[in-house]
């Protein structure tokens, strides 16, 4: 199943510290496999050899142009390709974080739409700085990130 751990954006550092402790604790019958969306975005840009040119491109062509270009390169499928690992082991939990850091270049509901079939055998936990109504994701409590119906609020 897919679970969303919603929290107030101002609690970002507390949430990061909490989940870092969980990852480091080990031996609790589970293993968190972290996928940070921001790190994945940087990795995709580095592989395409465009990372160093992004600031200049944004300055010259504007934010909307940059957004359009990055979305062509850093597709949901490209993100999911970077997230995959095998074999999935009993007790694995896929932890997705960095959601707020990649907005608006990547939207969380697009990741969830593309990932469910690959990780159907282990739980997925997305850390989400905002609200999830059970139908709609509201990033930072300000932006409608998209509709998603197959997830559950963790809390």
Protein backbone atom coordinates (compact mmCIF):
# COMPACT_ATOMS: atom_id res chain seq x y z
CA UNK A 1 0.00 0.00 0.00
CA UNK A 2 0.89 3.63 -0.36
CA UNK A 3 0.85 5.83 2.72
CA UNK A 4 1.27 9.58 3.00
CA UNK A 5 2.89 11.06 6.10
CA UNK A 6 1.59 14.65 6.14
CA UNK A 7 3.24 17.31 8.23
CA UNK A 8 3.41 21.07 8.49
CA UNK A 9 6.11 22.47 6.19
CA UNK A 10 7.77 24.32 9.08
CA UNK A 11 8.41 20.90 10.69
CA UNK A 12 10.58 19.72 7.78
CA UNK A 13 13.81 19.50 9.81
CA UNK A 14 12.09 17.63 12.66
CA UNK A 15 10.59 15.11 10.24
CA UNK A 16 13.94 14.62 8.49
CA UNK A 17 15.68 14.03 11.82
CA UNK A 18 13.02 11.56 12.96
CA UNK A 19 13.20 9.45 9.81
CA UNK A 20 17.00 9.63 9.77
CA UNK A 21 16.99 8.11 13.27
CA UNK A 22 14.63 5.38 12.08
CA UNK A 23 16.95 4.58 9.17
CA UNK A 24 19.99 4.46 11.43
CA UNK A 25 18.30 2.35 14.13
CA UNK A 26 18.19 -0.80 11.99
CA UNK A 27 17.24 -4.17 13.38
CA UNK A 28 13.63 -3.22 14.06
CA UNK A 29 12.20 -5.70 11.59
CA UNK A 30 12.11 -3.19 8.76
CA UNK A 31 14.49 -1.40 6.45
CA UNK A 32 13.77 2.08 5.08
CA UNK A 33 14.95 2.47 1.49
CA UNK A 34 15.10 6.24 1.01
CA UNK A 35 14.51 7.89 -2.36
CA UNK A 36 15.01 11.63 -2.16
CA UNK A 37 13.32 13.24 -5.16
CA UNK A 38 15.62 16.27 -5.09
CA UNK A 39 18.75 14.11 -5.19
CA UNK A 40 17.23 12.12 -8.04
CA UNK A 41 16.49 15.33 -9.97
CA UNK A 42 20.11 16.45 -9.53
CA UNK A 43 21.34 13.02 -10.63
CA UNK A 44 19.20 13.10 -13.78
CA UNK A 45 20.44 16.60 -14.63
CA UNK A 46 24.06 15.59 -13.99
CA UNK A 47 23.75 12.54 -16.25
CA UNK A 48 22.32 14.76 -19.01
CA UNK A 49 25.23 17.17 -18.40
CA UNK A 50 22.94 20.15 -17.87
CA UNK A 51 23.22 20.69 -14.12
CA UNK A 52 25.86 23.43 -14.23
CA UNK A 53 23.99 25.30 -16.98
CA UNK A 54 20.63 25.47 -15.22
CA UNK A 55 21.15 28.81 -13.40
CA UNK A 56 22.25 30.55 -16.59
CA UNK A 57 19.38 29.03 -18.57
CA UNK A 58 16.87 30.26 -16.00
CA UNK A 59 18.43 33.73 -16.00
CA UNK A 60 18.39 33.98 -19.80
CA UNK A 61 15.11 32.27 -20.69
CA UNK A 62 13.08 32.51 -17.49
CA UNK A 63 11.57 30.13 -14.98
CA UNK A 64 8.72 28.91 -17.19
CA UNK A 65 11.11 27.92 -19.97
CA UNK A 66 13.35 26.11 -17.49
CA UNK A 67 10.35 24.31 -16.01
CA UNK A 68 9.27 23.13 -19.45
CA UNK A 69 12.76 21.92 -20.37
CA UNK A 70 13.35 20.08 -17.09
CA UNK A 71 9.99 18.35 -17.30
CA UNK A 72 10.99 16.97 -20.70
CA UNK A 73 14.17 15.48 -19.24
CA UNK A 74 13.16 14.61 -15.68
CA UNK A 75 9.99 12.69 -16.48
CA UNK A 76 8.11 10.61 -13.93
CA UNK A 77 9.50 7.54 -15.68
CA UNK A 78 13.07 8.83 -15.28
CA UNK A 79 12.48 9.34 -11.55
CA UNK A 80 11.00 5.88 -11.14
CA UNK A 81 13.93 4.32 -13.03
CA UNK A 82 16.27 5.87 -10.44
CA UNK A 83 14.13 4.62 -7.56
CA UNK A 84 14.05 0.99 -8.59
CA UNK A 85 16.10 -1.61 -6.81
CA UNK A 86 15.91 -5.38 -6.71
CA UNK A 87 15.32 -7.64 -4.97
CA UNK A 88 12.75 -6.17 -2.62
CA UNK A 89 13.13 -7.89 0.71
CA UNK A 90 10.51 -8.61 3.37
CA UNK A 91 10.55 -5.71 5.79
CA UNK A 92 11.56 -3.12 3.15
CA UNK A 93 9.68 0.16 3.13
CA UNK A 94 10.24 2.60 0.28
CA UNK A 95 10.58 6.06 1.82
CA UNK A 96 10.04 8.94 -0.62
CA UNK A 97 11.11 12.38 0.55
CA UNK A 98 12.21 15.64 -1.04
CA UNK A 99 8.70 16.28 -2.40
CA UNK A 100 8.69 19.99 -1.62
CA UNK A 101 12.17 20.48 -3.00
CA UNK A 102 11.25 19.30 -6.50
CA UNK A 103 8.03 21.28 -6.83
CA UNK A 104 7.00 22.37 -9.48
CA UNK A 105 9.45 20.35 -11.60
CA UNK A 106 7.97 17.06 -10.46
CA UNK A 107 4.57 16.51 -8.90
CA UNK A 108 4.12 13.85 -6.23
CA UNK A 109 0.93 12.39 -7.68
CA UNK A 110 2.80 11.68 -10.93
CA UNK A 111 5.44 9.73 -9.03
CA UNK A 112 2.78 7.75 -7.18
CA UNK A 113 0.92 7.01 -10.43
CA UNK A 114 4.09 5.58 -11.96
CA UNK A 115 5.52 3.71 -9.00
CA UNK A 116 2.70 1.60 -7.65
CA UNK A 117 3.12 -1.36 -10.00
CA UNK A 118 6.89 -1.57 -9.43
CA UNK A 119 6.69 -1.61 -5.65
CA UNK A 120 3.45 -3.53 -5.23
CA UNK A 121 5.15 -6.05 -2.93
CA UNK A 122 6.42 -3.54 -0.32
CA UNK A 123 4.87 -0.56 1.43
CA UNK A 124 5.53 2.94 0.11
CA UNK A 125 5.70 5.90 2.48
CA UNK A 126 5.79 9.42 1.08
CA UNK A 127 6.78 12.26 3.39
CA UNK A 128 4.52 15.13 2.40
CA UNK A 129 4.84 18.75 3.57
CA UNK A 130 1.17 19.60 3.29
CA UNK A 131 -2.22 17.94 3.48
CA UNK A 132 -3.80 14.86 1.94
CA UNK A 133 -7.59 14.69 2.04
CA UNK A 134 -7.78 11.11 0.84
CA UNK A 135 -8.44 12.42 -2.65
CA UNK A 136 -6.30 15.51 -3.13
CA UNK A 137 -2.72 16.43 -2.30
CA UNK A 138 -2.21 20.05 -1.17
CA UNK A 139 1.49 20.86 -1.11
CA UNK A 140 2.47 23.30 1.65
CA UNK A 141 -1.28 23.72 2.26
CA UNK A 142 -1.23 26.20 -0.65
CA UNK A 143 -0.83 24.37 -3.97
CA UNK A 144 -3.08 21.66 -5.29
CA UNK A 145 -0.48 19.09 -6.23
CA UNK A 146 -2.98 16.73 -7.81
CA UNK A 147 -5.61 14.12 -7.18
CA UNK A 148 -4.62 10.72 -5.91
CA UNK A 149 -7.05 8.11 -4.60
CA UNK A 150 -4.98 5.01 -3.90
CA UNK A 151 -3.04 6.25 -0.87
CA UNK A 152 -3.86 6.38 2.83
CA UNK A 153 -2.97 8.99 5.42
CA UNK A 154 -0.46 7.42 7.76
CA UNK A 155 -1.75 9.41 10.71
